[in-house]
């Protein structure tokens, strides 16, 4: 697991990027992204690279996809108003203290999802 973050996302500005989609496009395999919590992001990002994404508590996305062998850690009280789709082989999604989602679709080979106390 990464010990420091390659890019920071803050929808209110003052960070490297205002969207997770833009940050994903800018990083390379092995990098890590931190998404500041407590915000609503009107986007449906696809984690399509082997990276680590840490999402702060109380963060909302329109929809969310993990289509690569990535590691995604959701903070407390995360929300995905649409489908949370995990199709990447060897991908890992961990939810700390719950995640409210419009639906969960897991189809990736050896994909691991840890609901963490729905």
PDB file of N, CA and C in Angstrom:
ATOM      1  N   UNK A   1       0.843  -1.176   0.000  1.00  0.00           N
ATOM      2  CA  UNK A   1       0.000   0.000   0.000  1.00  0.00           C
ATOM      3  C   UNK A   1       0.891   1.243   0.000  1.00  0.00           C
ATOM      4  N   UNK A   2       0.417   2.276  -0.675  1.00  0.00           N
ATOM      5  CA  UNK A   2       1.175   3.513  -0.767  1.00  0.00           C
ATOM      6  C   UNK A   2       1.261   4.209   0.591  1.00  0.00           C
ATOM      7  N   UNK A   3       2.393   4.850   0.836  1.00  0.00           N
ATOM      8  CA  UNK A   3       2.567   5.585   2.087  1.00  0.00           C
ATOM      9  C   UNK A   3       2.367   7.079   1.892  1.00  0.00           C
ATOM     10  N   UNK A   4       2.409   7.551   0.654  1.00  0.00           N
ATOM     11  CA  UNK A   4       2.109   8.943   0.347  1.00  0.00           C
ATOM     12  C   UNK A   4       1.292   8.959  -0.944  1.00  0.00           C
ATOM     13  N   UNK A   5       0.638  10.070  -1.195  1.00  0.00           N
ATOM     14  CA  UNK A   5      -0.255  10.132  -2.339  1.00  0.00           C
ATOM     15  C   UNK A   5       0.400  10.879  -3.490  1.00  0.00           C
ATOM     16  N   UNK A   6       0.230  10.340  -4.697  1.00  0.00           N
ATOM     17  CA  UNK A   6       0.767  10.957  -5.899  1.00  0.00           C
ATOM     18  C   UNK A   6      -0.039  12.199  -6.262  1.00  0.00           C
ATOM     19  N   UNK A   7      -1.367  12.105  -6.143  1.00  0.00           N
ATOM     20  CA  UNK A   7      -2.267  13.216  -6.474  1.00  0.00           C
ATOM     21  C   UNK A   7      -3.357  13.339  -5.422  1.00  0.00           C
ATOM     22  N   UNK A   8      -3.831  14.566  -5.222  1.00  0.00           N
ATOM     23  CA  UNK A   8      -4.922  14.858  -4.300  1.00  0.00           C
ATOM     24  C   UNK A   8      -6.078  15.436  -5.120  1.00  0.00           C
ATOM     25  N   UNK A   9      -7.299  14.981  -4.813  1.00  0.00           N
ATOM     26  CA  UNK A   9      -8.501  15.484  -5.480  1.00  0.00           C
ATOM     27  C   UNK A   9      -9.343  16.219  -4.451  1.00  0.00           C
ATOM     28  N   UNK A  10      -9.752  17.438  -4.791  1.00  0.00           N
ATOM     29  CA  UNK A  10     -10.636  18.229  -3.940  1.00  0.00           C
ATOM     30  C   UNK A  10     -11.602  18.964  -4.857  1.00  0.00           C
ATOM     31  N   UNK A  11     -12.872  18.596  -4.814  1.00  0.00           N
ATOM     32  CA  UNK A  11     -13.873  19.204  -5.684  1.00  0.00           C
ATOM     33  C   UNK A  11     -14.030  20.696  -5.489  1.00  0.00           C
ATOM     34  N   UNK A  12     -13.551  21.214  -4.373  1.00  0.00           N
ATOM     35  CA  UNK A  12     -13.638  22.648  -4.093  1.00  0.00           C
ATOM     36  C   UNK A  12     -12.393  23.409  -4.530  1.00  0.00           C
ATOM     37  N   UNK A  13     -11.435  22.727  -5.149  1.00  0.00           N
ATOM     38  CA  UNK A  13     -10.200  23.377  -5.574  1.00  0.00           C
ATOM     39  C   UNK A  13      -9.138  23.289  -4.492  1.00  0.00           C
ATOM     40  N   UNK A  14      -7.991  23.872  -4.740  1.00  0.00           N
ATOM     41  CA  UNK A  14      -6.915  23.885  -3.760  1.00  0.00           C
ATOM     42  C   UNK A  14      -6.124  22.592  -3.692  1.00  0.00           C
ATOM     43  N   UNK A  15      -6.295  21.722  -4.685  1.00  0.00           N
ATOM     44  CA  UNK A  15      -5.561  20.459  -4.730  1.00  0.00           C
ATOM     45  C   UNK A  15      -5.098  20.249  -6.174  1.00  0.00           C
ATOM     46  N   UNK A  16      -4.513  19.088  -6.444  1.00  0.00           N
ATOM     47  CA  UNK A  16      -4.008  18.809  -7.788  1.00  0.00           C
ATOM     48  C   UNK A  16      -5.124  18.789  -8.829  1.00  0.00           C
ATOM     49  N   UNK A  17      -6.280  18.192  -8.477  1.00  0.00           N
ATOM     50  CA  UNK A  17      -7.390  18.044  -9.421  1.00  0.00           C
ATOM     51  C   UNK A  17      -8.708  18.264  -8.709  1.00  0.00           C
ATOM     52  N   UNK A  18      -9.736  18.641  -9.462  1.00  0.00           N
ATOM     53  CA  UNK A  18     -11.075  18.791  -8.893  1.00  0.00           C
ATOM     54  C   UNK A  18     -11.954  17.582  -9.186  1.00  0.00           C
ATOM     55  N   UNK A  19     -11.475  16.629 -10.026  1.00  0.00           N
ATOM     56  CA  UNK A  19     -12.233  15.403 -10.286  1.00  0.00           C
ATOM     57  C   UNK A  19     -11.306  14.199 -10.203  1.00  0.00           C
ATOM     58  N   UNK A  20     -11.877  13.079  -9.808  1.00  0.00           N
ATOM     59  CA  UNK A  20     -11.115  11.842  -9.768  1.00  0.00           C
ATOM     60  C   UNK A  20     -10.778  11.381 -11.177  1.00  0.00           C
ATOM     61  N   UNK A  21     -11.669  11.595 -12.120  1.00  0.00           N
ATOM     62  CA  UNK A  21     -11.419  11.205 -13.512  1.00  0.00           C
ATOM     63  C   UNK A  21     -10.151  11.852 -14.048  1.00  0.00           C
ATOM     64  N   UNK A  22      -9.959  13.141 -13.791  1.00  0.00           N
ATOM     65  CA  UNK A  22      -8.765  13.843 -14.249  1.00  0.00           C
ATOM     66  C   UNK A  22      -7.509  13.310 -13.554  1.00  0.00           C
ATOM     67  N   UNK A  23      -7.607  13.014 -12.278  1.00  0.00           N
ATOM     68  CA  UNK A  23      -6.453  12.485 -11.544  1.00  0.00           C
ATOM     69  C   UNK A  23      -6.061  11.109 -12.064  1.00  0.00           C
ATOM     70  N   UNK A  24      -7.046  10.253 -12.343  1.00  0.00           N
ATOM     71  CA  UNK A  24      -6.754   8.917 -12.868  1.00  0.00           C
ATOM     72  C   UNK A  24      -6.024   9.031 -14.204  1.00  0.00           C
ATOM     73  N   UNK A  25      -6.459   9.955 -15.048  1.00  0.00           N
ATOM     74  CA  UNK A  25      -5.821  10.141 -16.358  1.00  0.00           C
ATOM     75  C   UNK A  25      -4.365  10.566 -16.218  1.00  0.00           C
ATOM     76  N   UNK A  26      -4.026  11.249 -15.136  1.00  0.00           N
ATOM     77  CA  UNK A  26      -2.688  11.812 -14.974  1.00  0.00           C
ATOM     78  C   UNK A  26      -1.682  10.876 -14.304  1.00  0.00           C
ATOM     79  N   UNK A  27      -2.150   9.831 -13.634  1.00  0.00           N
ATOM     80  CA  UNK A  27      -1.234   8.975 -12.879  1.00  0.00           C
ATOM     81  C   UNK A  27      -0.860   7.726 -13.675  1.00  0.00           C
ATOM     82  N   UNK A  28       0.148   7.031 -13.174  1.00  0.00           N
ATOM     83  CA  UNK A  28       0.621   5.785 -13.780  1.00  0.00           C
ATOM     84  C   UNK A  28       0.386   4.630 -12.818  1.00  0.00           C
ATOM     85  N   UNK A  29       0.481   3.426 -13.335  1.00  0.00           N
ATOM     86  CA  UNK A  29       0.345   2.228 -12.497  1.00  0.00           C
ATOM     87  C   UNK A  29       1.274   2.338 -11.298  1.00  0.00           C
ATOM     88  N   UNK A  30       0.757   1.963 -10.134  1.00  0.00           N
ATOM     89  CA  UNK A  30       1.529   2.014  -8.896  1.00  0.00           C
ATOM     90  C   UNK A  30       1.369   3.306  -8.121  1.00  0.00           C
ATOM     91  N   UNK A  31       0.786   4.324  -8.731  1.00  0.00           N
ATOM     92  CA  UNK A  31       0.562   5.597  -8.050  1.00  0.00           C
ATOM     93  C   UNK A  31      -0.651   5.512  -7.131  1.00  0.00           C
ATOM     94  N   UNK A  32      -0.866   6.561  -6.346  1.00  0.00           N
ATOM     95  CA  UNK A  32      -1.997   6.594  -5.424  1.00  0.00           C
ATOM     96  C   UNK A  32      -2.658   7.962  -5.435  1.00  0.00           C
ATOM     97  N   UNK A  33      -3.970   7.952  -5.207  1.00  0.00           N
ATOM     98  CA  UNK A  33      -4.769   9.173  -5.226  1.00  0.00           C
ATOM     99  C   UNK A  33      -5.568   9.242  -3.930  1.00  0.00           C
ATOM    100  N   UNK A  34      -5.660  10.443  -3.357  1.00  0.00           N
ATOM    101  CA  UNK A  34      -6.528  10.677  -2.206  1.00  0.00           C
ATOM    102  C   UNK A  34      -7.628  11.636  -2.630  1.00  0.00           C
ATOM    103  N   UNK A  35      -8.892  11.246  -2.378  1.00  0.00           N
ATOM    104  CA  UNK A  35     -10.046  12.091  -2.678  1.00  0.00           C
ATOM    105  C   UNK A  35     -10.553  12.659  -1.359  1.00  0.00           C
ATOM    106  N   UNK A  36     -10.516  13.991  -1.243  1.00  0.00           N
ATOM    107  CA  UNK A  36     -10.983  14.623  -0.010  1.00  0.00           C
ATOM    108  C   UNK A  36     -12.466  14.342   0.194  1.00  0.00           C
ATOM    109  N   UNK A  37     -12.826  14.056   1.419  1.00  0.00           N
ATOM    110  CA  UNK A  37     -14.179  13.642   1.761  1.00  0.00           C
ATOM    111  C   UNK A  37     -15.150  14.790   1.968  1.00  0.00           C
ATOM    112  N   UNK A  38     -16.399  14.385   2.230  1.00  0.00           N
ATOM    113  CA  UNK A  38     -17.437  15.346   2.544  1.00  0.00           C
ATOM    114  C   UNK A  38     -17.930  16.138   1.357  1.00  0.00           C
ATOM    115  N   UNK A  39     -17.734  15.625   0.161  1.00  0.00           N
ATOM    116  CA  UNK A  39     -18.113  16.351  -1.038  1.00  0.00           C
ATOM    117  C   UNK A  39     -18.900  15.454  -1.985  1.00  0.00           C
ATOM    118  N   UNK A  40     -19.650  16.085  -2.885  1.00  0.00           N
ATOM    119  CA  UNK A  40     -20.361  15.372  -3.939  1.00  0.00           C
ATOM    120  C   UNK A  40     -19.649  15.633  -5.252  1.00  0.00           C
ATOM    121  N   UNK A  41     -19.265  14.562  -5.911  1.00  0.00           N
ATOM    122  CA  UNK A  41     -18.612  14.640  -7.215  1.00  0.00           C
ATOM    123  C   UNK A  41     -19.609  14.157  -8.261  1.00  0.00           C
ATOM    124  N   UNK A  42     -20.022  15.046  -9.159  1.00  0.00           N
ATOM    125  CA  UNK A  42     -20.987  14.695 -10.202  1.00  0.00           C
ATOM    126  C   UNK A  42     -20.246  14.057 -11.372  1.00  0.00           C
ATOM    127  N   UNK A  43     -19.699  12.896 -11.108  1.00  0.00           N
ATOM    128  CA  UNK A  43     -18.960  12.163 -12.130  1.00  0.00           C
ATOM    129  C   UNK A  43     -19.082  10.673 -11.851  1.00  0.00           C
ATOM    130  N   UNK A  44     -18.745   9.905 -12.844  1.00  0.00           N
ATOM    131  CA  UNK A  44     -18.775   8.447 -12.748  1.00  0.00           C
ATOM    132  C   UNK A  44     -17.406   7.915 -13.146  1.00  0.00           C
ATOM    133  N   UNK A  45     -16.419   8.026 -12.266  1.00  0.00           N
ATOM    134  CA  UNK A  45     -15.059   7.648 -12.644  1.00  0.00           C
ATOM    135  C   UNK A  45     -14.887   6.146 -12.838  1.00  0.00           C
ATOM    136  N   UNK A  46     -13.902   5.796 -13.636  1.00  0.00           N
ATOM    137  CA  UNK A  46     -13.503   4.407 -13.860  1.00  0.00           C
ATOM    138  C   UNK A  46     -12.043   4.290 -13.461  1.00  0.00           C
ATOM    139  N   UNK A  47     -11.759   3.533 -12.408  1.00  0.00           N
ATOM    140  CA  UNK A  47     -10.380   3.280 -11.995  1.00  0.00           C
ATOM    141  C   UNK A  47      -9.866   2.189 -12.924  1.00  0.00           C
ATOM    142  N   UNK A  48      -9.239   2.615 -14.007  1.00  0.00           N
ATOM    143  CA  UNK A  48      -8.838   1.701 -15.075  1.00  0.00           C
ATOM    144  C   UNK A  48      -7.329   1.477 -15.142  1.00  0.00           C
ATOM    145  N   UNK A  49      -6.662   1.740 -14.045  1.00  0.00           N
ATOM    146  CA  UNK A  49      -5.220   1.524 -13.928  1.00  0.00           C
ATOM    147  C   UNK A  49      -4.941   0.841 -12.597  1.00  0.00           C
ATOM    148  N   UNK A  50      -3.832   0.134 -12.501  1.00  0.00           N
ATOM    149  CA  UNK A  50      -3.440  -0.541 -11.257  1.00  0.00           C
ATOM    150  C   UNK A  50      -2.879   0.496 -10.285  1.00  0.00           C
ATOM    151  N   UNK A  51      -3.791   1.212  -9.618  1.00  0.00           N
ATOM    152  CA  UNK A  51      -3.430   2.273  -8.684  1.00  0.00           C
ATOM    153  C   UNK A  51      -4.181   2.059  -7.375  1.00  0.00           C
ATOM    154  N   UNK A  52      -3.876   2.884  -6.386  1.00  0.00           N
ATOM    155  CA  UNK A  52      -4.607   2.882  -5.117  1.00  0.00           C
ATOM    156  C   UNK A  52      -5.386   4.188  -5.024  1.00  0.00           C
ATOM    157  N   UNK A  53      -6.668   4.095  -4.675  1.00  0.00           N
ATOM    158  CA  UNK A  53      -7.511   5.272  -4.503  1.00  0.00           C
ATOM    159  C   UNK A  53      -8.101   5.224  -3.105  1.00  0.00           C
ATOM    160  N   UNK A  54      -7.860   6.254  -2.324  1.00  0.00           N
ATOM    161  CA  UNK A  54      -8.410   6.377  -0.975  1.00  0.00           C
ATOM    162  C   UNK A  54      -9.434   7.504  -1.007  1.00  0.00           C
ATOM    163  N   UNK A  55     -10.662   7.199  -0.604  1.00  0.00           N
ATOM    164  CA  UNK A  55     -11.762   8.153  -0.690  1.00  0.00           C
ATOM    165  C   UNK A  55     -12.178   8.542   0.721  1.00  0.00           C
ATOM    166  N   UNK A  56     -12.120   9.829   1.015  1.00  0.00           N
ATOM    167  CA  UNK A  56     -12.439  10.328   2.346  1.00  0.00           C
ATOM    168  C   UNK A  56     -13.894  10.119   2.724  1.00  0.00           C
ATOM    169  N   UNK A  57     -14.199  10.198   4.022  1.00  0.00           N
ATOM    170  CA  UNK A  57     -15.549   9.973   4.539  1.00  0.00           C
ATOM    171  C   UNK A  57     -16.574  10.933   3.945  1.00  0.00           C
ATOM    172  N   UNK A  58     -17.793  10.423   3.770  1.00  0.00           N
ATOM    173  CA  UNK A  58     -18.898  11.263   3.331  1.00  0.00           C
ATOM    174  C   UNK A  58     -18.788  11.748   1.898  1.00  0.00           C
ATOM    175  N   UNK A  59     -18.171  10.975   1.037  1.00  0.00           N
ATOM    176  CA  UNK A  59     -17.981  11.361  -0.354  1.00  0.00           C
ATOM    177  C   UNK A  59     -19.016  10.674  -1.237  1.00  0.00           C
ATOM    178  N   UNK A  60     -19.604  11.428  -2.158  1.00  0.00           N
ATOM    179  CA  UNK A  60     -20.625  10.911  -3.053  1.00  0.00           C
ATOM    180  C   UNK A  60     -20.160  10.985  -4.502  1.00  0.00           C
ATOM    181  N   UNK A  61     -20.376   9.877  -5.239  1.00  0.00           N
ATOM    182  CA  UNK A  61     -20.144   9.835  -6.679  1.00  0.00           C
ATOM    183  C   UNK A  61     -21.449   9.448  -7.362  1.00  0.00           C
ATOM    184  N   UNK A  62     -21.626   9.861  -8.611  1.00  0.00           N
ATOM    185  CA  UNK A  62     -22.816   9.497  -9.376  1.00  0.00           C
ATOM    186  C   UNK A  62     -22.843   7.993  -9.614  1.00  0.00           C
ATOM    187  N   UNK A  63     -21.727   7.430 -10.020  1.00  0.00           N
ATOM    188  CA  UNK A  63     -21.528   5.988 -10.185  1.00  0.00           C
ATOM    189  C   UNK A  63     -20.029   5.769 -10.071  1.00  0.00           C
ATOM    190  N   UNK A  64     -19.602   4.521  -9.963  1.00  0.00           N
ATOM    191  CA  UNK A  64     -18.185   4.257  -9.736  1.00  0.00           C
ATOM    192  C   UNK A  64     -17.841   2.898 -10.330  1.00  0.00           C
ATOM    193  N   UNK A  65     -16.750   2.824 -11.084  1.00  0.00           N
ATOM    194  CA  UNK A  65     -16.312   1.578 -11.701  1.00  0.00           C
ATOM    195  C   UNK A  65     -14.845   1.325 -11.390  1.00  0.00           C
ATOM    196  N   UNK A  66     -14.519   0.086 -11.093  1.00  0.00           N
ATOM    197  CA  UNK A  66     -13.130  -0.334 -10.944  1.00  0.00           C
ATOM    198  C   UNK A  66     -12.918  -1.431 -11.987  1.00  0.00           C
ATOM    199  N   UNK A  67     -12.234  -1.086 -13.086  1.00  0.00           N
ATOM    200  CA  UNK A  67     -12.063  -2.033 -14.188  1.00  0.00           C
ATOM    201  C   UNK A  67     -10.619  -2.504 -14.339  1.00  0.00           C
ATOM    202  N   UNK A  68      -9.783  -2.219 -13.355  1.00  0.00           N
ATOM    203  CA  UNK A  68      -8.388  -2.656 -13.381  1.00  0.00           C
ATOM    204  C   UNK A  68      -8.056  -3.352 -12.063  1.00  0.00           C
ATOM    205  N   UNK A  69      -6.870  -3.915 -11.987  1.00  0.00           N
ATOM    206  CA  UNK A  69      -6.399  -4.545 -10.746  1.00  0.00           C
ATOM    207  C   UNK A  69      -5.977  -3.439  -9.787  1.00  0.00           C
ATOM    208  N   UNK A  70      -6.962  -2.727  -9.283  1.00  0.00           N
ATOM    209  CA  UNK A  70      -6.716  -1.566  -8.441  1.00  0.00           C
ATOM    210  C   UNK A  70      -7.165  -1.841  -7.018  1.00  0.00           C
ATOM    211  N   UNK A  71      -6.740  -0.957  -6.104  1.00  0.00           N
ATOM    212  CA  UNK A  71      -7.180  -1.014  -4.716  1.00  0.00           C
ATOM    213  C   UNK A  71      -7.933   0.267  -4.424  1.00  0.00           C
ATOM    214  N   UNK A  72      -9.183   0.156  -3.989  1.00  0.00           N
ATOM    215  CA  UNK A  72      -9.990   1.318  -3.650  1.00  0.00           C
ATOM    216  C   UNK A  72     -10.458   1.175  -2.212  1.00  0.00           C
ATOM    217  N   UNK A  73     -10.236   2.197  -1.415  1.00  0.00           N
ATOM    218  CA  UNK A  73     -10.670   2.199  -0.023  1.00  0.00           C
ATOM    219  C   UNK A  73     -11.614   3.384   0.170  1.00  0.00           C
ATOM    220  N   UNK A  74     -12.871   3.077   0.515  1.00  0.00           N
ATOM    221  CA  UNK A  74     -13.880   4.114   0.762  1.00  0.00           C
ATOM    222  C   UNK A  74     -13.875   4.475   2.234  1.00  0.00           C
ATOM    223  N   UNK A  75     -13.973   5.752   2.539  1.00  0.00           N
ATOM    224  CA  UNK A  75     -14.068   6.202   3.916  1.00  0.00           C
ATOM    225  C   UNK A  75     -15.462   6.008   4.475  1.00  0.00           C
ATOM    226  N   UNK A  76     -15.656   6.398   5.706  1.00  0.00           N
ATOM    227  CA  UNK A  76     -16.949   6.258   6.400  1.00  0.00           C
ATOM    228  C   UNK A  76     -18.065   6.965   5.649  1.00  0.00           C
ATOM    229  N   UNK A  77     -19.186   6.289   5.534  1.00  0.00           N
ATOM    230  CA  UNK A  77     -20.375   6.927   4.987  1.00  0.00           C
ATOM    231  C   UNK A  77     -20.263   7.319   3.532  1.00  0.00           C
ATOM    232  N   UNK A  78     -19.547   6.546   2.717  1.00  0.00           N
ATOM    233  CA  UNK A  78     -19.457   6.840   1.295  1.00  0.00           C
ATOM    234  C   UNK A  78     -20.770   6.553   0.600  1.00  0.00           C
ATOM    235  N   UNK A  79     -21.000   7.245  -0.521  1.00  0.00           N
ATOM    236  CA  UNK A  79     -22.229   7.070  -1.271  1.00  0.00           C
ATOM    237  C   UNK A  79     -21.915   6.972  -2.758  1.00  0.00           C
ATOM    238  N   UNK A  80     -22.528   6.022  -3.415  1.00  0.00           N
ATOM    239  CA  UNK A  80     -22.471   5.889  -4.863  1.00  0.00           C
ATOM    240  C   UNK A  80     -23.920   5.811  -5.303  1.00  0.00           C
ATOM    241  N   UNK A  81     -24.472   6.899  -5.842  1.00  0.00           N
ATOM    242  CA  UNK A  81     -25.898   6.954  -6.109  1.00  0.00           C
ATOM    243  C   UNK A  81     -26.329   6.007  -7.228  1.00  0.00           C
ATOM    244  N   UNK A  82     -25.413   5.654  -8.116  1.00  0.00           N
ATOM    245  CA  UNK A  82     -25.696   4.678  -9.165  1.00  0.00           C
ATOM    246  C   UNK A  82     -25.074   3.354  -8.804  1.00  0.00           C
ATOM    247  N   UNK A  83     -24.687   2.610  -9.813  1.00  0.00           N
ATOM    248  CA  UNK A  83     -24.085   1.298  -9.582  1.00  0.00           C
ATOM    249  C   UNK A  83     -22.606   1.426  -9.235  1.00  0.00           C
ATOM    250  N   UNK A  84     -22.177   0.590  -8.318  1.00  0.00           N
ATOM    251  CA  UNK A  84     -20.759   0.406  -8.021  1.00  0.00           C
ATOM    252  C   UNK A  84     -20.373  -0.874  -8.757  1.00  0.00           C
ATOM    253  N   UNK A  85     -19.548  -0.744  -9.794  1.00  0.00           N
ATOM    254  CA  UNK A  85     -19.204  -1.867 -10.653  1.00  0.00           C
ATOM    255  C   UNK A  85     -17.744  -2.246 -10.455  1.00  0.00           C
ATOM    256  N   UNK A  86     -17.515  -3.505 -10.153  1.00  0.00           N
ATOM    257  CA  UNK A  86     -16.161  -4.009  -9.960  1.00  0.00           C
ATOM    258  C   UNK A  86     -15.938  -5.125 -10.986  1.00  0.00           C
ATOM    259  N   UNK A  87     -15.256  -4.791 -12.080  1.00  0.00           N
ATOM    260  CA  UNK A  87     -15.043  -5.760 -13.145  1.00  0.00           C
ATOM    261  C   UNK A  87     -13.574  -6.084 -13.359  1.00  0.00           C
ATOM    262  N   UNK A  88     -12.676  -5.412 -12.667  1.00  0.00           N
ATOM    263  CA  UNK A  88     -11.250  -5.653 -12.832  1.00  0.00           C
ATOM    264  C   UNK A  88     -10.794  -6.916 -12.136  1.00  0.00           C
ATOM    265  N   UNK A  89     -10.066  -7.754 -12.863  1.00  0.00           N
ATOM    266  CA  UNK A  89      -9.488  -8.950 -12.245  1.00  0.00           C
ATOM    267  C   UNK A  89      -8.515  -8.522 -11.154  1.00  0.00           C
ATOM    268  N   UNK A  90      -8.544  -9.227 -10.025  1.00  0.00           N
ATOM    269  CA  UNK A  90      -7.656  -8.950  -8.897  1.00  0.00           C
ATOM    270  C   UNK A  90      -7.849  -7.558  -8.302  1.00  0.00           C
ATOM    271  N   UNK A  91      -9.010  -6.960  -8.502  1.00  0.00           N
ATOM    272  CA  UNK A  91      -9.280  -5.655  -7.902  1.00  0.00           C
ATOM    273  C   UNK A  91      -9.764  -5.847  -6.472  1.00  0.00           C
ATOM    274  N   UNK A  92      -9.633  -4.794  -5.671  1.00  0.00           N
ATOM    275  CA  UNK A  92      -9.981  -4.866  -4.255  1.00  0.00           C
ATOM    276  C   UNK A  92     -10.691  -3.576  -3.863  1.00  0.00           C
ATOM    277  N   UNK A  93     -11.917  -3.703  -3.382  1.00  0.00           N
ATOM    278  CA  UNK A  93     -12.652  -2.557  -2.852  1.00  0.00           C
ATOM    279  C   UNK A  93     -12.939  -2.831  -1.384  1.00  0.00           C
ATOM    280  N   UNK A  94     -12.579  -1.900  -0.536  1.00  0.00           N
ATOM    281  CA  UNK A  94     -12.819  -2.022   0.896  1.00  0.00           C
ATOM    282  C   UNK A  94     -13.606  -0.806   1.352  1.00  0.00           C
ATOM    283  N   UNK A  95     -14.682  -1.036   2.095  1.00  0.00           N
ATOM    284  CA  UNK A  95     -15.527   0.048   2.583  1.00  0.00           C
ATOM    285  C   UNK A  95     -15.430   0.090   4.102  1.00  0.00           C
ATOM    286  N   UNK A  96     -14.947   1.170   4.627  1.00  0.00           N
ATOM    287  CA  UNK A  96     -14.840   1.311   6.071  1.00  0.00           C
ATOM    288  C   UNK A  96     -16.141   1.871   6.625  1.00  0.00           C
ATOM    289  N   UNK A  97     -16.814   1.092   7.437  1.00  0.00           N
ATOM    290  CA  UNK A  97     -18.053   1.510   8.095  1.00  0.00           C
ATOM    291  C   UNK A  97     -19.158   1.894   7.125  1.00  0.00           C
ATOM    292  N   UNK A  98     -19.253   1.153   6.044  1.00  0.00           N
ATOM    293  CA  UNK A  98     -20.429   1.249   5.199  1.00  0.00           C
ATOM    294  C   UNK A  98     -20.305   2.070   3.946  1.00  0.00           C
ATOM    295  N   UNK A  99     -21.110   1.677   2.976  1.00  0.00           N
ATOM    296  CA  UNK A  99     -21.198   2.354   1.698  1.00  0.00           C
ATOM    297  C   UNK A  99     -22.621   2.195   1.209  1.00  0.00           C
ATOM    298  N   UNK A 100     -23.265   3.293   0.913  1.00  0.00           N
ATOM    299  CA  UNK A 100     -24.625   3.274   0.387  1.00  0.00           C
ATOM    300  C   UNK A 100     -24.515   3.316  -1.132  1.00  0.00           C
ATOM    301  N   UNK A 101     -25.056   2.314  -1.808  1.00  0.00           N
ATOM    302  CA  UNK A 101     -24.940   2.267  -3.257  1.00  0.00           C
ATOM    303  C   UNK A 101     -26.259   1.896  -3.901  1.00  0.00           C
ATOM    304  N   UNK A 102     -26.426   2.343  -5.152  1.00  0.00           N
ATOM    305  CA  UNK A 102     -27.623   2.019  -5.905  1.00  0.00           C
ATOM    306  C   UNK A 102     -27.609   0.604  -6.437  1.00  0.00           C
ATOM    307  N   UNK A 103     -26.509  -0.095  -6.274  1.00  0.00           N
ATOM    308  CA  UNK A 103     -26.384  -1.473  -6.736  1.00  0.00           C
ATOM    309  C   UNK A 103     -24.926  -1.857  -6.813  1.00  0.00           C
ATOM    310  N   UNK A 104     -24.644  -3.106  -6.584  1.00  0.00           N
ATOM    311  CA  UNK A 104     -23.267  -3.602  -6.619  1.00  0.00           C
ATOM    312  C   UNK A 104     -23.179  -4.683  -7.683  1.00  0.00           C
ATOM    313  N   UNK A 105     -22.236  -4.513  -8.608  1.00  0.00           N
ATOM    314  CA  UNK A 105     -22.013  -5.487  -9.672  1.00  0.00           C
ATOM    315  C   UNK A 105     -20.557  -5.924  -9.581  1.00  0.00           C
ATOM    316  N   UNK A 106     -20.325  -7.195  -9.258  1.00  0.00           N
ATOM    317  CA  UNK A 106     -18.964  -7.725  -9.151  1.00  0.00           C
ATOM    318  C   UNK A 106     -18.828  -8.846 -10.174  1.00  0.00           C
ATOM    319  N   UNK A 107     -17.924  -8.670 -11.134  1.00  0.00           N
ATOM    320  CA  UNK A 107     -17.741  -9.687 -12.163  1.00  0.00           C
ATOM    321  C   UNK A 107     -16.276  -9.987 -12.452  1.00  0.00           C
ATOM    322  N   UNK A 108     -15.363  -9.290 -11.831  1.00  0.00           N
ATOM    323  CA  UNK A 108     -13.945  -9.494 -12.098  1.00  0.00           C
ATOM    324  C   UNK A 108     -13.415 -10.784 -11.491  1.00  0.00           C
ATOM    325  N   UNK A 109     -12.553 -11.466 -12.236  1.00  0.00           N
ATOM    326  CA  UNK A 109     -11.928 -12.690 -11.731  1.00  0.00           C
ATOM    327  C   UNK A 109     -11.091 -12.362 -10.502  1.00  0.00           C
ATOM    328  N   UNK A 110     -11.304 -13.098  -9.431  1.00  0.00           N
ATOM    329  CA  UNK A 110     -10.594 -12.922  -8.169  1.00  0.00           C
ATOM    330  C   UNK A 110     -10.783 -11.513  -7.585  1.00  0.00           C
ATOM    331  N   UNK A 111     -11.883 -10.854  -7.949  1.00  0.00           N
ATOM    332  CA  UNK A 111     -12.185  -9.541  -7.389  1.00  0.00           C
ATOM    333  C   UNK A 111     -12.603  -9.722  -5.933  1.00  0.00           C
ATOM    334  N   UNK A 112     -12.192  -8.798  -5.080  1.00  0.00           N
ATOM    335  CA  UNK A 112     -12.500  -8.898  -3.656  1.00  0.00           C
ATOM    336  C   UNK A 112     -13.231  -7.639  -3.235  1.00  0.00           C
ATOM    337  N   UNK A 113     -14.386  -7.812  -2.601  1.00  0.00           N
ATOM    338  CA  UNK A 113     -15.161  -6.687  -2.088  1.00  0.00           C
ATOM    339  C   UNK A 113     -15.390  -6.901  -0.604  1.00  0.00           C
ATOM    340  N   UNK A 114     -15.011  -5.937   0.215  1.00  0.00           N
ATOM    341  CA  UNK A 114     -15.218  -5.998   1.650  1.00  0.00           C
ATOM    342  C   UNK A 114     -16.178  -4.881   2.028  1.00  0.00           C
ATOM    343  N   UNK A 115     -17.416  -5.246   2.361  1.00  0.00           N
ATOM    344  CA  UNK A 115     -18.441  -4.261   2.664  1.00  0.00           C
ATOM    345  C   UNK A 115     -18.224  -3.481   3.934  1.00  0.00           C
ATOM    346  N   UNK A 116     -17.492  -3.999   4.863  1.00  0.00           N
ATOM    347  CA  UNK A 116     -17.105  -3.259   6.055  1.00  0.00           C
ATOM    348  C   UNK A 116     -18.236  -2.738   6.910  1.00  0.00           C
ATOM    349  N   UNK A 117     -19.309  -3.454   7.074  1.00  0.00           N
ATOM    350  CA  UNK A 117     -20.362  -3.026   7.986  1.00  0.00           C
ATOM    351  C   UNK A 117     -21.419  -2.172   7.350  1.00  0.00           C
ATOM    352  N   UNK A 118     -22.120  -2.752   6.404  1.00  0.00           N
ATOM    353  CA  UNK A 118     -23.177  -2.030   5.721  1.00  0.00           C
ATOM    354  C   UNK A 118     -24.189  -1.642   6.719  1.00  0.00           C
TER     355      UNK A 118
END
